[in-house]
Amino acid sequence: MASKNIDMKSDGKTLVITIDLTADLGPSRTGKTTIVASTFGNVAVPGIEGMKIGLTLFKEGNGIVKSRQNGNGSVQA
């Protein structure tokens, strides 16, 4: 899978990573976080032979409020 929402540039000595922090790629597999950007595994660093990077940027929570009923019948968020 290709990287999403990650732009990488290298001059051979420095790696610059650009990520749109407002992006929302949806919930993680567990649903506990929302993915903002990911390489979806290790990928080659542009312009640097033999170097790889693995990156996932996420924010806590997924914006979904789950409710559950406790023992006395009331609902908790």
PDB file of N, CA and C in Angstrom:
ATOM      1  N   MET A   1       0.848  -1.182   0.000  1.00  0.00           N
ATOM      2  CA  MET A   1       0.000   0.000   0.000  1.00  0.00           C
ATOM      3  C   MET A   1       0.890   1.242   0.000  1.00  0.00           C
ATOM      4  N   ALA A   2       0.545   2.231  -0.764  1.00  0.00           N
ATOM      5  CA  ALA A   2       1.329   3.459  -0.858  1.00  0.00           C
ATOM      6  C   ALA A   2       1.084   4.361   0.348  1.00  0.00           C
ATOM      7  N   SER A   3       2.054   5.210   0.619  1.00  0.00           N
ATOM      8  CA  SER A   3       1.919   6.182   1.705  1.00  0.00           C
ATOM      9  C   SER A   3       0.743   7.103   1.420  1.00  0.00           C
ATOM     10  N   LYS A   4       0.088   7.535   2.489  1.00  0.00           N
ATOM     11  CA  LYS A   4      -1.026   8.464   2.335  1.00  0.00           C
ATOM     12  C   LYS A   4      -0.786   9.684   3.210  1.00  0.00           C
ATOM     13  N   ASN A   5      -0.925  10.861   2.610  1.00  0.00           N
ATOM     14  CA  ASN A   5      -0.809  12.147   3.269  1.00  0.00           C
ATOM     15  C   ASN A   5       0.606  12.399   3.793  1.00  0.00           C
ATOM     16  N   ILE A   6       1.612  11.841   3.142  1.00  0.00           N
ATOM     17  CA  ILE A   6       3.003  12.071   3.532  1.00  0.00           C
ATOM     18  C   ILE A   6       3.797  12.429   2.277  1.00  0.00           C
ATOM     19  N   ASP A   7       4.458  13.581   2.326  1.00  0.00           N
ATOM     20  CA  ASP A   7       5.346  13.986   1.242  1.00  0.00           C
ATOM     21  C   ASP A   7       6.753  14.052   1.821  1.00  0.00           C
ATOM     22  N   MET A   8       7.689  13.309   1.223  1.00  0.00           N
ATOM     23  CA  MET A   8       9.066  13.283   1.709  1.00  0.00           C
ATOM     24  C   MET A   8      10.001  13.784   0.629  1.00  0.00           C
ATOM     25  N   LYS A   9      10.955  14.625   1.046  1.00  0.00           N
ATOM     26  CA  LYS A   9      11.981  15.131   0.137  1.00  0.00           C
ATOM     27  C   LYS A   9      13.316  15.046   0.861  1.00  0.00           C
ATOM     28  N   SER A  10      14.359  14.684   0.119  1.00  0.00           N
ATOM     29  CA  SER A  10      15.690  14.587   0.690  1.00  0.00           C
ATOM     30  C   SER A  10      16.700  15.244  -0.227  1.00  0.00           C
ATOM     31  N   ASP A  11      17.679  15.926   0.387  1.00  0.00           N
ATOM     32  CA  ASP A  11      18.782  16.495  -0.378  1.00  0.00           C
ATOM     33  C   ASP A  11      20.041  15.649  -0.230  1.00  0.00           C
ATOM     34  N   GLY A  12      19.889  14.466   0.336  1.00  0.00           N
ATOM     35  CA  GLY A  12      21.009  13.582   0.561  1.00  0.00           C
ATOM     36  C   GLY A  12      21.549  13.644   1.977  1.00  0.00           C
ATOM     37  N   LYS A  13      21.272  14.736   2.679  1.00  0.00           N
ATOM     38  CA  LYS A  13      21.714  14.889   4.064  1.00  0.00           C
ATOM     39  C   LYS A  13      20.553  15.111   5.019  1.00  0.00           C
ATOM     40  N   THR A  14      19.472  15.679   4.529  1.00  0.00           N
ATOM     41  CA  THR A  14      18.325  16.037   5.361  1.00  0.00           C
ATOM     42  C   THR A  14      17.049  15.490   4.738  1.00  0.00           C
ATOM     43  N   LEU A  15      16.189  14.930   5.580  1.00  0.00           N
ATOM     44  CA  LEU A  15      14.878  14.451   5.133  1.00  0.00           C
ATOM     45  C   LEU A  15      13.821  15.409   5.653  1.00  0.00           C
ATOM     46  N   VAL A  16      12.988  15.916   4.754  1.00  0.00           N
ATOM     47  CA  VAL A  16      11.895  16.807   5.130  1.00  0.00           C
ATOM     48  C   VAL A  16      10.589  16.063   4.874  1.00  0.00           C
ATOM     49  N   ILE A  17       9.772  15.972   5.911  1.00  0.00           N
ATOM     50  CA  ILE A  17       8.475  15.283   5.819  1.00  0.00           C
ATOM     51  C   ILE A  17       7.382  16.322   5.977  1.00  0.00           C
ATOM     52  N   THR A  18       6.441  16.330   5.036  1.00  0.00           N
ATOM     53  CA  THR A  18       5.312  17.251   5.094  1.00  0.00           C
ATOM     54  C   THR A  18       4.029  16.436   5.215  1.00  0.00           C
ATOM     55  N   ILE A  19       3.210  16.796   6.215  1.00  0.00           N
ATOM     56  CA  ILE A  19       1.947  16.103   6.480  1.00  0.00           C
ATOM     57  C   ILE A  19       0.858  17.139   6.710  1.00  0.00           C
ATOM     58  N   ASP A  20      -0.284  16.955   6.074  1.00  0.00           N
ATOM     59  CA  ASP A  20      -1.447  17.803   6.328  1.00  0.00           C
ATOM     60  C   ASP A  20      -2.070  17.336   7.639  1.00  0.00           C
ATOM     61  N   LEU A  21      -1.926  18.130   8.695  1.00  0.00           N
ATOM     62  CA  LEU A  21      -2.406  17.733  10.016  1.00  0.00           C
ATOM     63  C   LEU A  21      -3.925  17.774  10.153  1.00  0.00           C
ATOM     64  N   THR A  22      -4.608  18.315   9.147  1.00  0.00           N
ATOM     65  CA  THR A  22      -6.072  18.356   9.198  1.00  0.00           C
ATOM     66  C   THR A  22      -6.711  17.144   8.529  1.00  0.00           C
ATOM     67  N   ALA A  23      -5.900  16.288   7.922  1.00  0.00           N
ATOM     68  CA  ALA A  23      -6.421  15.124   7.196  1.00  0.00           C
ATOM     69  C   ALA A  23      -7.017  14.102   8.160  1.00  0.00           C
ATOM     70  N   ASP A  24      -7.932  13.326   7.648  1.00  0.00           N
ATOM     71  CA  ASP A  24      -8.568  12.247   8.409  1.00  0.00           C
ATOM     72  C   ASP A  24      -8.668  11.048   7.480  1.00  0.00           C
ATOM     73  N   LEU A  25      -7.823  10.040   7.731  1.00  0.00           N
ATOM     74  CA  LEU A  25      -7.827   8.843   6.887  1.00  0.00           C
ATOM     75  C   LEU A  25      -8.717   7.747   7.455  1.00  0.00           C
ATOM     76  N   GLY A  26      -9.448   8.074   8.503  1.00  0.00           N
ATOM     77  CA  GLY A  26     -10.363   7.107   9.090  1.00  0.00           C
ATOM     78  C   GLY A  26      -9.796   6.457  10.342  1.00  0.00           C
ATOM     79  N   PRO A  27     -10.597   5.605  10.948  1.00  0.00           N
ATOM     80  CA  PRO A  27     -10.180   4.977  12.203  1.00  0.00           C
ATOM     81  C   PRO A  27      -9.100   3.917  11.989  1.00  0.00           C
ATOM     82  N   SER A  28      -8.326   3.697  13.037  1.00  0.00           N
ATOM     83  CA  SER A  28      -7.344   2.605  13.022  1.00  0.00           C
ATOM     84  C   SER A  28      -8.087   1.278  13.043  1.00  0.00           C
ATOM     85  N   ARG A  29      -7.336   0.194  12.901  1.00  0.00           N
ATOM     86  CA  ARG A  29      -7.970  -1.136  12.928  1.00  0.00           C
ATOM     87  C   ARG A  29      -8.737  -1.384  14.218  1.00  0.00           C
ATOM     88  N   THR A  30      -8.187  -0.902  15.328  1.00  0.00           N
ATOM     89  CA  THR A  30      -8.849  -1.127  16.621  1.00  0.00           C
ATOM     90  C   THR A  30      -9.985  -0.154  16.853  1.00  0.00           C
ATOM     91  N   GLY A  31      -9.976   0.968  16.119  1.00  0.00           N
ATOM     92  CA  GLY A  31     -11.011   1.970  16.311  1.00  0.00           C
ATOM     93  C   GLY A  31     -10.728   2.922  17.459  1.00  0.00           C
ATOM     94  N   LYS A  32      -9.569   2.795  18.081  1.00  0.00           N
ATOM     95  CA  LYS A  32      -9.243   3.644  19.236  1.00  0.00           C
ATOM     96  C   LYS A  32      -8.640   4.984  18.823  1.00  0.00           C
ATOM     97  N   THR A  33      -8.108   5.074  17.610  1.00  0.00           N
ATOM     98  CA  THR A  33      -7.486   6.303  17.132  1.00  0.00           C
ATOM     99  C   THR A  33      -7.927   6.594  15.707  1.00  0.00           C
ATOM    100  N   THR A  34      -7.666   7.825  15.271  1.00  0.00           N
ATOM    101  CA  THR A  34      -7.925   8.232  13.897  1.00  0.00           C
ATOM    102  C   THR A  34      -6.589   8.454  13.211  1.00  0.00           C
ATOM    103  N   ILE A  35      -6.390   7.826  12.073  1.00  0.00           N
ATOM    104  CA  ILE A  35      -5.138   7.950  11.346  1.00  0.00           C
ATOM    105  C   ILE A  35      -5.126   9.262  10.556  1.00  0.00           C
ATOM    106  N   VAL A  36      -4.034  10.009  10.695  1.00  0.00           N
ATOM    107  CA  VAL A  36      -3.850  11.271   9.986  1.00  0.00           C
ATOM    108  C   VAL A  36      -2.947  11.062   8.775  1.00  0.00           C
ATOM    109  N   ALA A  37      -1.904  10.242   8.936  1.00  0.00           N
ATOM    110  CA  ALA A  37      -0.973   9.952   7.844  1.00  0.00           C
ATOM    111  C   ALA A  37      -0.271   8.642   8.145  1.00  0.00           C
ATOM    112  N   SER A  38       0.107   7.910   7.097  1.00  0.00           N
ATOM    113  CA  SER A  38       0.824   6.661   7.314  1.00  0.00           C
ATOM    114  C   SER A  38       1.591   6.234   6.076  1.00  0.00           C
ATOM    115  N   THR A  39       2.733   5.588   6.318  1.00  0.00           N
ATOM    116  CA  THR A  39       3.458   4.945   5.227  1.00  0.00           C
ATOM    117  C   THR A  39       2.947   3.525   5.039  1.00  0.00           C
ATOM    118  N   PHE A  40       2.129   3.033   5.961  1.00  0.00           N
ATOM    119  CA  PHE A  40       1.585   1.671   5.919  1.00  0.00           C
ATOM    120  C   PHE A  40       2.711   0.648   5.777  1.00  0.00           C
ATOM    121  N   GLY A  41       3.667   0.761   6.680  1.00  0.00           N
ATOM    122  CA  GLY A  41       4.834  -0.121   6.658  1.00  0.00           C
ATOM    123  C   GLY A  41       6.078   0.674   6.328  1.00  0.00           C
ATOM    124  N   ASN A  42       7.164  -0.027   6.129  1.00  0.00           N
ATOM    125  CA  ASN A  42       8.436   0.633   5.819  1.00  0.00           C
ATOM    126  C   ASN A  42       8.545   0.921   4.329  1.00  0.00           C
ATOM    127  N   VAL A  43       8.975   2.139   4.001  1.00  0.00           N
ATOM    128  CA  VAL A  43       9.145   2.547   2.608  1.00  0.00           C
ATOM    129  C   VAL A  43      10.531   3.165   2.435  1.00  0.00           C
ATOM    130  N   ALA A  44      11.011   3.169   1.218  1.00  0.00           N
ATOM    131  CA  ALA A  44      12.316   3.745   0.922  1.00  0.00           C
ATOM    132  C   ALA A  44      12.302   5.256   1.136  1.00  0.00           C
ATOM    133  N   VAL A  45      13.396   5.772   1.683  1.00  0.00           N
ATOM    134  CA  VAL A  45      13.569   7.215   1.822  1.00  0.00           C
ATOM    135  C   VAL A  45      14.025   7.747   0.466  1.00  0.00           C
ATOM    136  N   PRO A  46      13.306   8.730  -0.083  1.00  0.00           N
ATOM    137  CA  PRO A  46      13.663   9.217  -1.414  1.00  0.00           C
ATOM    138  C   PRO A  46      15.066   9.812  -1.436  1.00  0.00           C
ATOM    139  N   GLY A  47      15.843   9.416  -2.430  1.00  0.00           N
ATOM    140  CA  GLY A  47      17.170   9.973  -2.609  1.00  0.00           C
ATOM    141  C   GLY A  47      18.258   9.356  -1.742  1.00  0.00           C
ATOM    142  N   ILE A  48      17.916   8.401  -0.876  1.00  0.00           N
ATOM    143  CA  ILE A  48      18.900   7.763   0.004  1.00  0.00           C
ATOM    144  C   ILE A  48      18.816   6.256  -0.186  1.00  0.00           C
ATOM    145  N   GLU A  49      19.808   5.690  -0.821  1.00  0.00           N
ATOM    146  CA  GLU A  49      19.811   4.257  -1.080  1.00  0.00           C
ATOM    147  C   GLU A  49      19.994   3.464   0.216  1.00  0.00           C
ATOM    148  N   GLY A  50      19.180   2.436   0.387  1.00  0.00           N
ATOM    149  CA  GLY A  50      19.312   1.530   1.520  1.00  0.00           C
ATOM    150  C   GLY A  50      18.711   2.024   2.824  1.00  0.00           C
ATOM    151  N   MET A  51      18.015   3.156   2.816  1.00  0.00           N
ATOM    152  CA  MET A  51      17.406   3.681   4.028  1.00  0.00           C
ATOM    153  C   MET A  51      15.888   3.629   3.885  1.00  0.00           C
ATOM    154  N   LYS A  52      15.233   3.211   4.956  1.00  0.00           N
ATOM    155  CA  LYS A  52      13.766   3.110   4.943  1.00  0.00           C
ATOM    156  C   LYS A  52      13.185   3.834   6.153  1.00  0.00           C
ATOM    157  N   ILE A  53      11.897   4.173   6.037  1.00  0.00           N
ATOM    158  CA  ILE A  53      11.187   4.832   7.131  1.00  0.00           C
ATOM    159  C   ILE A  53       9.803   4.204   7.250  1.00  0.00           C
ATOM    160  N   GLY A  54       9.337   4.071   8.485  1.00  0.00           N
ATOM    161  CA  GLY A  54       7.977   3.643   8.772  1.00  0.00           C
ATOM    162  C   GLY A  54       7.352   4.677   9.684  1.00  0.00           C
ATOM    163  N   LEU A  55       6.234   5.254   9.280  1.00  0.00           N
ATOM    164  CA  LEU A  55       5.654   6.356  10.033  1.00  0.00           C
ATOM    165  C   LEU A  55       4.140   6.253  10.045  1.00  0.00           C
ATOM    166  N   THR A  56       3.562   6.454  11.216  1.00  0.00           N
ATOM    167  CA  THR A  56       2.112   6.580  11.348  1.00  0.00           C
ATOM    168  C   THR A  56       1.840   7.733  12.296  1.00  0.00           C
ATOM    169  N   LEU A  57       1.056   8.690  11.841  1.00  0.00           N
ATOM    170  CA  LEU A  57       0.639   9.810  12.675  1.00  0.00           C
ATOM    171  C   LEU A  57      -0.845   9.617  12.954  1.00  0.00           C
ATOM    172  N   PHE A  58      -1.208   9.646  14.227  1.00  0.00           N
ATOM    173  CA  PHE A  58      -2.613   9.436  14.582  1.00  0.00           C
ATOM    174  C   PHE A  58      -3.006  10.381  15.692  1.00  0.00           C
ATOM    175  N   LYS A  59      -4.313  10.564  15.838  1.00  0.00           N
ATOM    176  CA  LYS A  59      -4.815  11.339  16.965  1.00  0.00           C
ATOM    177  C   LYS A  59      -5.687  10.437  17.812  1.00  0.00           C
ATOM    178  N   GLU A  60      -5.641  10.679  19.101  1.00  0.00           N
ATOM    179  CA  GLU A  60      -6.406   9.854  20.024  1.00  0.00           C
ATOM    180  C   GLU A  60      -7.891  10.061  19.796  1.00  0.00           C
ATOM    181  N   GLY A  61      -8.631   8.996  19.967  1.00  0.00           N
ATOM    182  CA  GLY A  61     -10.066   9.049  19.761  1.00  0.00           C
ATOM    183  C   GLY A  61     -10.398   9.010  18.285  1.00  0.00           C
ATOM    184  N   ASN A  62     -11.611   8.612  17.985  1.00  0.00           N
ATOM    185  CA  ASN A  62     -12.013   8.528  16.583  1.00  0.00           C
ATOM    186  C   ASN A  62     -13.249   9.362  16.292  1.00  0.00           C
ATOM    187  N   GLY A  63     -13.656  10.169  17.264  1.00  0.00           N
ATOM    188  CA  GLY A  63     -14.821  11.019  17.065  1.00  0.00           C
ATOM    189  C   GLY A  63     -16.143  10.295  17.237  1.00  0.00           C
ATOM    190  N   ILE A  64     -16.085   8.996  17.471  1.00  0.00           N
ATOM    191  CA  ILE A  64     -17.308   8.222  17.656  1.00  0.00           C
ATOM    192  C   ILE A  64     -17.516   8.004  19.144  1.00  0.00           C
ATOM    193  N   VAL A  65     -18.659   8.400  19.632  1.00  0.00           N
ATOM    194  CA  VAL A  65     -18.975   8.192  21.043  1.00  0.00           C
ATOM    195  C   VAL A  65     -19.725   6.884  21.158  1.00  0.00           C
ATOM    196  N   LYS A  66     -19.131   5.954  21.857  1.00  0.00           N
ATOM    197  CA  LYS A  66     -19.788   4.669  22.063  1.00  0.00           C
ATOM    198  C   LYS A  66     -20.517   4.726  23.393  1.00  0.00           C
ATOM    199  N   SER A  67     -21.703   4.236  23.414  1.00  0.00           N
ATOM    200  CA  SER A  67     -22.443   4.205  24.670  1.00  0.00           C
ATOM    201  C   SER A  67     -22.581   2.761  25.121  1.00  0.00           C
ATOM    202  N   ARG A  68     -22.710   2.596  26.408  1.00  0.00           N
ATOM    203  CA  ARG A  68     -22.923   1.269  26.952  1.00  0.00           C
ATOM    204  C   ARG A  68     -23.888   1.382  28.111  1.00  0.00           C
ATOM    205  N   GLN A  69     -24.611   0.333  28.304  1.00  0.00           N
ATOM    206  CA  GLN A  69     -25.599   0.324  29.388  1.00  0.00           C
ATOM    207  C   GLN A  69     -24.970  -0.344  30.596  1.00  0.00           C
ATOM    208  N   ASN A  70     -25.064   0.342  31.749  1.00  0.00           N
ATOM    209  CA  ASN A  70     -24.525  -0.281  32.946  1.00  0.00           C
ATOM    210  C   ASN A  70     -25.606  -1.131  33.629  1.00  0.00           C
ATOM    211  N   GLY A  71     -25.258  -1.754  34.721  1.00  0.00           N
ATOM    212  CA  GLY A  71     -26.134  -2.713  35.372  1.00  0.00           C
ATOM    213  C   GLY A  71     -27.492  -2.194  35.810  1.00  0.00           C
ATOM    214  N   ASN A  72     -27.618  -0.902  36.058  1.00  0.00           N
ATOM    215  CA  ASN A  72     -28.909  -0.381  36.552  1.00  0.00           C
ATOM    216  C   ASN A  72     -29.795   0.163  35.436  1.00  0.00           C
ATOM    217  N   GLY A  73     -29.421  -0.077  34.175  1.00  0.00           N
ATOM    218  CA  GLY A  73     -30.274   0.320  33.058  1.00  0.00           C
ATOM    219  C   GLY A  73     -29.973   1.687  32.498  1.00  0.00           C
ATOM    220  N   SER A  74     -29.144   2.491  33.177  1.00  0.00           N
ATOM    221  CA  SER A  74     -28.824   3.804  32.616  1.00  0.00           C
ATOM    222  C   SER A  74     -27.710   3.667  31.586  1.00  0.00           C
ATOM    223  N   VAL A  75     -27.629   4.656  30.699  1.00  0.00           N
ATOM    224  CA  VAL A  75     -26.655   4.610  29.614  1.00  0.00           C
ATOM    225  C   VAL A  75     -25.493   5.525  29.948  1.00  0.00           C
ATOM    226  N   GLN A  76     -24.278   5.051  29.751  1.00  0.00           N
ATOM    227  CA  GLN A  76     -23.081   5.853  29.938  1.00  0.00           C
ATOM    228  C   GLN A  76     -22.420   6.063  28.602  1.00  0.00           C
ATOM    229  N   ALA A  77     -21.885   7.237  28.396  1.00  0.00           N
ATOM    230  CA  ALA A  77     -21.143   7.506  27.147  1.00  0.00           C
ATOM    231  C   ALA A  77     -19.689   7.163  27.352  1.00  0.00           C
TER     232      ALA A  77
END
